């Protein structure tokens, strides 16, 4: 029998929009006299990052990094690999990582350490969502949108096997 997903809206598109507005306000305030480099974590952050940068009234740069720790599974393998590096020089820049979700914290912690070695002037993390009950390693989130329960979620950039990224809401995915 084919996979028949059961989707239930956990966070509506309206709540997401209000959250992105709030986060943009915080970033605008903290970076008003700076020219930050926003680094989106592909693929999941692209929807959030696009909405966020359109709400920022800053001179800014955008780049992306792609990491892998999931493959097509629901659970992280715990081993993080860099698939695509940033193309922008990071040394001396104010860097803001834009992440769709902090789940176990493994990938985010890896990325923070990876970028710290490149000597940015500052390094902060903006995450749309966080699942603190799943953290295996501590992660400090400077700009946090929403705290989620320990459920598998898709939509608004979040996927399962490269599907469901295009959903405008964040939904739980049940078998």
N, C-alpha and C. Protein backbone atom coordinates (compact mmCIF):
# COMPACT_ATOMS: atom_id res chain seq x y z
N UNK A 1 0.84 -1.19 0.00
CA UNK A 1 0.00 0.00 0.00
C UNK A 1 0.88 1.25 0.00
N UNK A 2 0.50 2.24 -0.75
CA UNK A 2 1.26 3.49 -0.86
C UNK A 2 1.15 4.30 0.42
N UNK A 3 2.17 5.12 0.67
CA UNK A 3 2.21 6.01 1.82
C UNK A 3 1.09 7.04 1.73
N UNK A 4 0.21 7.06 2.71
CA UNK A 4 -0.91 8.00 2.76
C UNK A 4 -0.72 8.92 3.97
N UNK A 5 -0.11 10.08 3.76
CA UNK A 5 0.17 10.94 4.90
C UNK A 5 -1.09 11.59 5.47
N UNK A 6 -1.07 11.76 6.77
CA UNK A 6 -2.10 12.52 7.46
C UNK A 6 -1.46 13.83 7.89
N UNK A 7 -1.92 14.94 7.32
CA UNK A 7 -1.37 16.25 7.64
C UNK A 7 -2.36 17.02 8.50
N UNK A 8 -1.84 17.63 9.56
CA UNK A 8 -2.66 18.48 10.41
C UNK A 8 -1.89 19.78 10.64
N UNK A 9 -2.55 20.90 10.45
CA UNK A 9 -1.89 22.20 10.61
C UNK A 9 -1.51 22.39 12.08
N UNK A 10 -0.23 22.64 12.29
CA UNK A 10 0.30 22.93 13.62
C UNK A 10 0.50 24.43 13.79
N UNK A 11 1.05 25.08 12.74
CA UNK A 11 1.27 26.52 12.75
C UNK A 11 0.72 27.07 11.43
N UNK A 12 -0.24 27.96 11.53
CA UNK A 12 -0.88 28.51 10.33
C UNK A 12 0.02 29.49 9.62
N UNK A 13 -0.26 29.71 8.35
CA UNK A 13 0.50 30.69 7.55
C UNK A 13 0.41 32.09 8.16
N UNK A 14 -0.73 32.42 8.78
CA UNK A 14 -0.86 33.74 9.42
C UNK A 14 0.06 33.85 10.64
N UNK A 15 0.14 32.80 11.43
CA UNK A 15 1.03 32.81 12.59
C UNK A 15 2.49 32.85 12.14
N UNK A 16 2.80 32.15 11.06
CA UNK A 16 4.16 32.18 10.51
C UNK A 16 4.50 33.61 10.08
N UNK A 17 3.59 34.27 9.38
CA UNK A 17 3.83 35.64 8.91
C UNK A 17 4.06 36.59 10.08
N UNK A 18 3.26 36.47 11.14
CA UNK A 18 3.46 37.32 12.33
C UNK A 18 4.82 37.03 12.97
N UNK A 19 5.21 35.78 13.00
CA UNK A 19 6.49 35.39 13.58
C UNK A 19 7.65 35.95 12.76
N UNK A 20 7.57 35.85 11.45
CA UNK A 20 8.63 36.39 10.58
C UNK A 20 8.71 37.90 10.74
N UNK A 21 7.57 38.57 10.85
CA UNK A 21 7.56 40.02 11.08
C UNK A 21 8.29 40.36 12.39
N UNK A 22 7.99 39.63 13.45
CA UNK A 22 8.63 39.88 14.75
C UNK A 22 10.14 39.66 14.66
N UNK A 23 10.54 38.55 14.05
CA UNK A 23 11.97 38.26 13.92
C UNK A 23 12.68 39.33 13.10
N UNK A 24 12.05 39.76 12.01
CA UNK A 24 12.64 40.81 11.17
C UNK A 24 12.81 42.10 11.96
N UNK A 25 11.86 42.41 12.80
CA UNK A 25 11.98 43.61 13.64
C UNK A 25 13.17 43.51 14.58
N UNK A 26 13.38 42.35 15.17
CA UNK A 26 14.51 42.15 16.07
C UNK A 26 15.84 42.24 15.32
N UNK A 27 15.90 41.63 14.15
CA UNK A 27 17.13 41.67 13.34
C UNK A 27 17.39 43.10 12.86
N UNK A 28 16.36 43.79 12.38
CA UNK A 28 16.52 45.18 11.95
C UNK A 28 17.08 46.04 13.09
N UNK A 29 16.56 45.86 14.28
CA UNK A 29 17.01 46.64 15.44
C UNK A 29 18.48 46.36 15.75
N UNK A 30 18.85 45.08 15.78
CA UNK A 30 20.20 44.71 16.21
C UNK A 30 21.28 44.94 15.16
N UNK A 31 20.90 44.98 13.89
CA UNK A 31 21.88 45.14 12.81
C UNK A 31 21.74 46.48 12.08
N UNK A 32 21.04 47.44 12.66
CA UNK A 32 20.73 48.68 11.94
C UNK A 32 21.95 49.44 11.46
N UNK A 33 23.06 49.35 12.14
CA UNK A 33 24.28 50.05 11.71
C UNK A 33 25.32 49.10 11.12
N UNK A 34 24.87 47.93 10.71
CA UNK A 34 25.79 46.92 10.19
C UNK A 34 25.31 46.44 8.83
N UNK A 35 26.16 45.69 8.17
CA UNK A 35 25.81 45.07 6.89
C UNK A 35 25.99 43.56 7.05
N UNK A 36 24.98 42.89 7.60
CA UNK A 36 25.15 41.47 7.91
C UNK A 36 25.18 40.58 6.66
N UNK A 37 25.83 39.45 6.84
CA UNK A 37 25.80 38.37 5.86
C UNK A 37 24.85 37.32 6.41
N UNK A 38 23.74 37.12 5.72
CA UNK A 38 22.78 36.09 6.12
C UNK A 38 23.12 34.81 5.38
N UNK A 39 23.29 33.75 6.12
CA UNK A 39 23.61 32.45 5.53
C UNK A 39 22.44 31.51 5.79
N UNK A 40 21.75 31.16 4.71
CA UNK A 40 20.64 30.22 4.80
C UNK A 40 21.14 28.80 4.74
N UNK A 41 20.51 27.95 5.54
CA UNK A 41 20.86 26.54 5.56
C UNK A 41 19.90 25.80 4.63
N UNK A 42 20.44 25.34 3.51
CA UNK A 42 19.63 24.67 2.49
C UNK A 42 19.36 23.22 2.87
N UNK A 43 18.27 22.73 2.45
CA UNK A 43 17.29 23.34 1.58
C UNK A 43 16.16 23.97 2.38
N UNK A 44 15.98 23.54 3.60
CA UNK A 44 14.81 23.90 4.37
C UNK A 44 14.58 25.36 4.63
N UNK A 45 15.63 26.16 4.75
CA UNK A 45 15.46 27.56 5.15
C UNK A 45 15.07 28.49 4.01
N UNK A 46 15.04 28.01 2.77
CA UNK A 46 14.89 28.95 1.65
C UNK A 46 13.57 29.72 1.69
N UNK A 47 12.49 29.13 2.12
CA UNK A 47 11.20 29.83 2.17
C UNK A 47 11.24 30.88 3.27
N UNK A 48 11.67 30.48 4.47
CA UNK A 48 11.78 31.40 5.59
C UNK A 48 12.75 32.53 5.28
N UNK A 49 13.89 32.20 4.70
CA UNK A 49 14.89 33.22 4.40
C UNK A 49 14.36 34.23 3.39
N UNK A 50 13.67 33.77 2.38
CA UNK A 50 13.11 34.69 1.38
C UNK A 50 12.13 35.65 2.03
N UNK A 51 11.26 35.15 2.89
CA UNK A 51 10.31 36.02 3.57
C UNK A 51 11.01 36.97 4.53
N UNK A 52 12.01 36.47 5.24
CA UNK A 52 12.74 37.30 6.20
C UNK A 52 13.48 38.45 5.52
N UNK A 53 14.24 38.16 4.47
CA UNK A 53 15.04 39.22 3.84
C UNK A 53 14.17 40.30 3.21
N UNK A 54 12.98 39.93 2.75
CA UNK A 54 12.08 40.95 2.18
C UNK A 54 11.56 41.90 3.25
N UNK A 55 11.64 41.50 4.50
CA UNK A 55 11.17 42.35 5.60
C UNK A 55 12.31 43.12 6.28
N UNK A 56 13.53 42.91 5.82
CA UNK A 56 14.68 43.58 6.44
C UNK A 56 14.98 44.88 5.70
N UNK A 57 15.17 45.92 6.46
CA UNK A 57 15.50 47.22 5.90
C UNK A 57 16.98 47.49 6.19
N UNK A 58 17.82 46.66 5.63
CA UNK A 58 19.25 46.69 5.89
C UNK A 58 20.02 46.50 4.60
N UNK A 59 21.23 47.02 4.57
CA UNK A 59 22.17 46.61 3.53
C UNK A 59 22.65 45.24 3.98
N UNK A 60 22.50 44.24 3.17
CA UNK A 60 22.86 42.90 3.59
C UNK A 60 23.37 42.08 2.42
N UNK A 61 24.01 40.99 2.75
CA UNK A 61 24.43 40.01 1.75
C UNK A 61 23.76 38.69 2.08
N UNK A 62 23.61 37.85 1.08
CA UNK A 62 22.98 36.55 1.26
C UNK A 62 23.88 35.48 0.66
N UNK A 63 24.01 34.39 1.38
CA UNK A 63 24.71 33.22 0.87
C UNK A 63 24.02 32.00 1.47
N UNK A 64 24.45 30.83 1.02
CA UNK A 64 23.83 29.59 1.49
C UNK A 64 24.90 28.55 1.77
N UNK A 65 24.55 27.66 2.67
CA UNK A 65 25.36 26.48 2.95
C UNK A 65 24.38 25.30 2.91
N UNK A 66 24.88 24.17 2.47
CA UNK A 66 24.04 22.98 2.47
C UNK A 66 24.76 21.90 3.25
N UNK A 67 24.05 21.38 4.24
CA UNK A 67 24.59 20.33 5.10
C UNK A 67 23.69 19.12 4.97
N UNK A 68 24.22 17.99 5.37
CA UNK A 68 23.41 16.77 5.33
C UNK A 68 23.65 15.96 6.59
N UNK A 69 22.53 15.58 7.23
CA UNK A 69 22.60 14.65 8.34
C UNK A 69 21.39 13.73 8.37
N UNK A 70 20.44 13.96 7.47
CA UNK A 70 19.21 13.18 7.46
C UNK A 70 19.09 12.20 6.31
N UNK A 71 19.48 12.61 5.10
CA UNK A 71 19.16 11.80 3.93
C UNK A 71 17.65 11.82 3.75
N UNK A 72 17.04 10.65 3.62
CA UNK A 72 15.59 10.58 3.47
C UNK A 72 14.92 10.05 4.72
N UNK A 73 15.66 9.97 5.83
CA UNK A 73 15.11 9.43 7.07
C UNK A 73 14.46 10.52 7.91
N UNK A 74 13.68 10.08 8.90
CA UNK A 74 13.06 11.01 9.85
C UNK A 74 14.00 11.33 11.00
N UNK A 75 15.02 10.55 11.19
CA UNK A 75 15.98 10.75 12.28
C UNK A 75 17.33 11.12 11.71
N UNK A 76 18.00 12.05 12.38
CA UNK A 76 19.34 12.45 11.97
C UNK A 76 20.30 11.29 12.17
N UNK A 77 21.24 11.16 11.25
CA UNK A 77 22.27 10.12 11.39
C UNK A 77 23.28 10.50 12.45
N UNK A 78 23.33 11.79 12.80
CA UNK A 78 24.30 12.28 13.77
C UNK A 78 25.62 12.68 13.13
N UNK A 79 25.82 12.30 11.89
CA UNK A 79 27.04 12.66 11.15
C UNK A 79 26.69 13.75 10.16
N UNK A 80 27.34 14.91 10.32
CA UNK A 80 27.03 16.06 9.48
C UNK A 80 28.11 16.22 8.42
N UNK A 81 27.66 16.46 7.19
CA UNK A 81 28.59 16.71 6.09
C UNK A 81 28.24 18.03 5.43
N UNK A 82 29.27 18.75 4.98
CA UNK A 82 29.08 19.97 4.21
C UNK A 82 28.95 19.56 2.75
N UNK A 83 27.81 19.84 2.16
CA UNK A 83 27.55 19.50 0.76
C UNK A 83 27.88 20.69 -0.14
N UNK A 84 27.56 21.90 0.35
CA UNK A 84 27.80 23.14 -0.41
C UNK A 84 28.28 24.20 0.57
N UNK A 85 29.45 24.73 0.32
CA UNK A 85 30.02 25.77 1.19
C UNK A 85 29.55 27.15 0.76
N UNK A 86 29.67 28.10 1.67
CA UNK A 86 29.37 29.48 1.31
C UNK A 86 30.42 29.95 0.30
N UNK A 87 30.03 30.87 -0.54
CA UNK A 87 30.96 31.44 -1.53
C UNK A 87 31.50 32.78 -1.06
N UNK A 88 30.85 33.37 -0.06
CA UNK A 88 31.24 34.68 0.44
C UNK A 88 32.28 34.53 1.53
N UNK A 89 33.26 35.41 1.52
CA UNK A 89 34.27 35.42 2.58
C UNK A 89 33.60 35.85 3.88
N UNK A 90 33.82 35.12 4.94
CA UNK A 90 33.14 35.33 6.21
C UNK A 90 33.99 36.13 7.19
N UNK A 91 35.29 36.02 7.09
CA UNK A 91 36.18 36.66 8.05
C UNK A 91 35.86 38.15 8.20
N UNK A 92 35.65 38.58 9.46
CA UNK A 92 35.40 39.98 9.76
C UNK A 92 33.98 40.45 9.52
N UNK A 93 33.09 39.58 9.07
CA UNK A 93 31.70 39.97 8.78
C UNK A 93 30.78 39.61 9.96
N UNK A 94 29.68 40.34 10.04
CA UNK A 94 28.63 40.02 10.99
C UNK A 94 27.72 38.99 10.32
N UNK A 95 27.79 37.75 10.80
CA UNK A 95 27.10 36.63 10.16
C UNK A 95 25.86 36.25 10.96
N UNK A 96 24.75 36.10 10.24
CA UNK A 96 23.51 35.62 10.83
C UNK A 96 23.10 34.36 10.08
N UNK A 97 23.12 33.25 10.78
CA UNK A 97 22.65 31.99 10.21
C UNK A 97 21.13 31.99 10.24
N UNK A 98 20.51 31.62 9.13
CA UNK A 98 19.05 31.54 9.04
C UNK A 98 18.69 30.06 8.86
N UNK A 99 18.00 29.53 9.87
CA UNK A 99 17.70 28.09 9.93
C UNK A 99 16.19 27.90 10.04
N UNK A 100 15.68 26.88 9.38
CA UNK A 100 14.25 26.59 9.47
C UNK A 100 13.89 25.93 10.78
N UNK A 101 14.74 24.99 11.24
CA UNK A 101 14.41 24.24 12.45
C UNK A 101 15.68 23.80 13.16
N UNK A 102 15.66 23.91 14.48
CA UNK A 102 16.69 23.30 15.31
C UNK A 102 16.01 22.10 15.95
N UNK A 103 16.47 20.92 15.58
CA UNK A 103 15.85 19.68 16.05
C UNK A 103 16.75 19.09 17.14
N UNK A 104 17.67 18.23 16.78
CA UNK A 104 18.57 17.65 17.79
C UNK A 104 19.66 18.63 18.18
N UNK A 105 19.90 19.62 17.33
CA UNK A 105 20.96 20.59 17.57
C UNK A 105 22.29 20.17 16.97
N UNK A 106 22.39 18.94 16.52
CA UNK A 106 23.66 18.41 15.99
C UNK A 106 24.14 19.19 14.78
N UNK A 107 23.27 19.37 13.80
CA UNK A 107 23.64 20.07 12.58
C UNK A 107 23.94 21.54 12.86
N UNK A 108 23.10 22.17 13.66
CA UNK A 108 23.29 23.59 13.97
C UNK A 108 24.58 23.82 14.74
N UNK A 109 24.85 22.97 15.71
CA UNK A 109 26.09 23.08 16.49
C UNK A 109 27.30 22.91 15.59
N UNK A 110 27.24 21.94 14.69
CA UNK A 110 28.31 21.72 13.73
C UNK A 110 28.54 22.97 12.89
N UNK A 111 27.46 23.56 12.38
CA UNK A 111 27.57 24.74 11.52
C UNK A 111 28.15 25.93 12.27
N UNK A 112 27.70 26.15 13.49
CA UNK A 112 28.23 27.26 14.29
C UNK A 112 29.74 27.11 14.47
N UNK A 113 30.18 25.92 14.79
CA UNK A 113 31.63 25.69 14.98
C UNK A 113 32.38 25.83 13.66
N UNK A 114 31.82 25.30 12.59
CA UNK A 114 32.41 25.39 11.25
C UNK A 114 32.62 26.85 10.85
N UNK A 115 31.61 27.70 11.10
CA UNK A 115 31.70 29.11 10.72
C UNK A 115 32.59 29.91 11.69
N UNK A 116 32.58 29.56 12.97
CA UNK A 116 33.46 30.25 13.93
C UNK A 116 34.92 30.14 13.52
N UNK A 117 35.31 29.01 12.96
CA UNK A 117 36.69 28.80 12.52
C UNK A 117 37.07 29.75 11.40
N UNK A 118 36.08 30.32 10.73
CA UNK A 118 36.35 31.25 9.62
C UNK A 118 36.39 32.70 10.10
N UNK A 119 36.37 32.90 11.41
CA UNK A 119 36.61 34.19 12.08
C UNK A 119 35.68 35.34 11.67
N UNK A 120 34.36 35.15 11.82
CA UNK A 120 33.46 36.27 11.59
C UNK A 120 33.60 37.29 12.72
N UNK A 121 33.21 38.54 12.47
CA UNK A 121 33.21 39.57 13.53
C UNK A 121 32.18 39.19 14.59
N UNK A 122 31.04 38.68 14.16
CA UNK A 122 30.00 38.18 15.06
C UNK A 122 29.28 37.03 14.37
N UNK A 123 28.69 36.17 15.17
CA UNK A 123 27.97 35.01 14.63
C UNK A 123 26.73 34.79 15.49
N UNK A 124 25.57 34.90 14.86
CA UNK A 124 24.30 34.69 15.55
C UNK A 124 23.44 33.72 14.75
N UNK A 125 22.42 33.22 15.44
CA UNK A 125 21.52 32.23 14.85
C UNK A 125 20.08 32.72 14.94
N UNK A 126 19.40 32.68 13.79
CA UNK A 126 17.97 32.98 13.70
C UNK A 126 17.28 31.70 13.24
N UNK A 127 16.43 31.14 14.09
CA UNK A 127 15.73 29.91 13.75
C UNK A 127 14.23 30.14 13.79
N UNK A 128 13.56 29.75 12.75
CA UNK A 128 12.11 29.88 12.72
C UNK A 128 11.49 28.99 13.79
N UNK A 129 11.98 27.75 13.89
CA UNK A 129 11.40 26.82 14.85
C UNK A 129 12.48 26.09 15.63
N UNK A 130 12.08 25.61 16.79
CA UNK A 130 12.97 24.86 17.68
C UNK A 130 12.17 23.76 18.35
N UNK A 131 12.81 22.61 18.52
CA UNK A 131 12.24 21.50 19.27
C UNK A 131 13.18 21.20 20.45
N UNK A 132 13.10 21.97 21.52
CA UNK A 132 14.05 21.80 22.62
C UNK A 132 14.00 20.41 23.26
N UNK A 133 12.87 19.74 23.19
CA UNK A 133 12.77 18.41 23.80
C UNK A 133 13.62 17.38 23.05
N UNK A 134 14.06 17.70 21.84
CA UNK A 134 14.86 16.77 21.03
C UNK A 134 16.35 17.08 21.05
N UNK A 135 16.75 18.19 21.66
CA UNK A 135 18.17 18.57 21.64
C UNK A 135 19.05 17.49 22.24
N UNK A 136 20.08 17.14 21.50
CA UNK A 136 21.13 16.24 21.99
C UNK A 136 22.36 17.03 22.40
N UNK A 137 22.50 18.20 21.78
CA UNK A 137 23.60 19.11 22.12
C UNK A 137 22.98 20.49 22.34
N UNK A 138 23.55 21.27 23.27
CA UNK A 138 22.98 22.59 23.53
C UNK A 138 23.25 23.54 22.36
N UNK A 139 22.24 24.34 22.03
CA UNK A 139 22.35 25.34 20.98
C UNK A 139 21.71 26.62 21.49
N UNK A 140 22.44 27.72 21.38
CA UNK A 140 21.92 29.02 21.78
C UNK A 140 21.33 29.70 20.55
N UNK A 141 20.04 30.00 20.60
CA UNK A 141 19.34 30.62 19.48
C UNK A 141 19.14 32.10 19.82
N UNK A 142 19.71 32.98 19.02
CA UNK A 142 19.62 34.42 19.28
C UNK A 142 18.26 35.00 18.91
N UNK A 143 17.68 34.49 17.83
CA UNK A 143 16.37 34.95 17.36
C UNK A 143 15.53 33.71 17.12
N UNK A 144 14.57 33.47 18.00
CA UNK A 144 13.75 32.27 17.91
C UNK A 144 12.32 32.63 17.56
N UNK A 145 11.80 31.96 16.54
CA UNK A 145 10.42 32.18 16.13
C UNK A 145 9.44 31.42 16.99
N UNK A 146 9.43 30.10 16.88
CA UNK A 146 8.41 29.27 17.51
C UNK A 146 9.04 28.03 18.15
N UNK A 147 8.50 27.62 19.27
CA UNK A 147 8.90 26.37 19.90
C UNK A 147 7.85 25.32 19.53
N UNK A 148 8.31 24.19 19.02
CA UNK A 148 7.40 23.14 18.57
C UNK A 148 7.47 21.93 19.49
N UNK A 149 6.38 21.16 19.52
CA UNK A 149 6.40 19.90 20.26
C UNK A 149 7.20 18.86 19.50
N UNK A 150 7.45 17.74 20.13
CA UNK A 150 8.22 16.66 19.52
C UNK A 150 7.33 15.88 18.55
N UNK A 151 7.06 16.50 17.42
CA UNK A 151 6.29 15.86 16.34
C UNK A 151 7.04 16.10 15.05
N UNK A 152 6.89 15.20 14.09
CA UNK A 152 7.53 15.37 12.80
C UNK A 152 6.71 16.38 12.00
N UNK A 153 7.38 17.44 11.53
CA UNK A 153 6.68 18.53 10.85
C UNK A 153 7.18 18.72 9.42
N UNK A 154 6.28 19.20 8.59
CA UNK A 154 6.58 19.51 7.19
C UNK A 154 5.89 20.82 6.82
N UNK A 155 6.29 21.38 5.69
CA UNK A 155 5.67 22.60 5.18
C UNK A 155 6.54 23.80 5.45
N UNK A 156 6.30 24.87 4.70
CA UNK A 156 7.05 26.12 4.80
C UNK A 156 8.55 25.85 4.74
N UNK A 157 8.94 25.00 3.79
CA UNK A 157 10.35 24.68 3.58
C UNK A 157 10.77 23.36 4.19
N UNK A 158 10.07 22.92 5.22
CA UNK A 158 10.40 21.64 5.89
C UNK A 158 9.86 20.49 5.05
N UNK A 159 10.65 19.42 4.97
CA UNK A 159 10.25 18.34 4.07
C UNK A 159 10.31 16.98 4.73
N UNK A 160 9.76 16.03 4.03
CA UNK A 160 9.97 14.61 4.29
C UNK A 160 10.26 13.98 2.93
N UNK A 161 11.49 13.53 2.74
CA UNK A 161 11.87 12.93 1.47
C UNK A 161 11.69 13.88 0.31
N UNK A 162 12.00 15.17 0.51
CA UNK A 162 11.90 16.23 -0.50
C UNK A 162 10.46 16.58 -0.87
N UNK A 163 9.48 16.12 -0.11
CA UNK A 163 8.08 16.44 -0.37
C UNK A 163 7.56 17.36 0.73
N UNK A 164 6.52 18.09 0.42
CA UNK A 164 5.75 18.93 1.35
C UNK A 164 6.39 20.29 1.64
N UNK A 165 7.55 20.62 1.05
CA UNK A 165 8.18 21.92 1.31
C UNK A 165 7.27 23.08 0.92
N UNK A 166 6.43 22.86 -0.08
CA UNK A 166 5.61 23.92 -0.64
C UNK A 166 4.34 24.22 0.16
N UNK A 167 4.05 23.49 1.20
CA UNK A 167 2.86 23.77 2.00
C UNK A 167 3.03 25.13 2.68
N UNK A 168 2.00 25.96 2.68
CA UNK A 168 2.13 27.30 3.26
C UNK A 168 2.08 27.32 4.79
N UNK A 169 1.62 26.23 5.39
CA UNK A 169 1.54 26.11 6.85
C UNK A 169 2.56 25.07 7.31
N UNK A 170 2.85 25.06 8.60
CA UNK A 170 3.67 23.98 9.16
C UNK A 170 2.69 22.94 9.71
N UNK A 171 2.84 21.72 9.22
CA UNK A 171 1.91 20.66 9.55
C UNK A 171 2.62 19.48 10.21
N UNK A 172 1.89 18.76 11.03
CA UNK A 172 2.43 17.50 11.54
C UNK A 172 2.19 16.45 10.47
N UNK A 173 3.10 15.50 10.42
CA UNK A 173 3.00 14.41 9.43
C UNK A 173 2.90 13.10 10.20
N UNK A 174 1.77 12.44 10.03
CA UNK A 174 1.54 11.15 10.66
C UNK A 174 1.41 10.09 9.58
N UNK A 175 1.86 8.88 9.87
CA UNK A 175 1.71 7.77 8.91
C UNK A 175 0.25 7.38 8.78
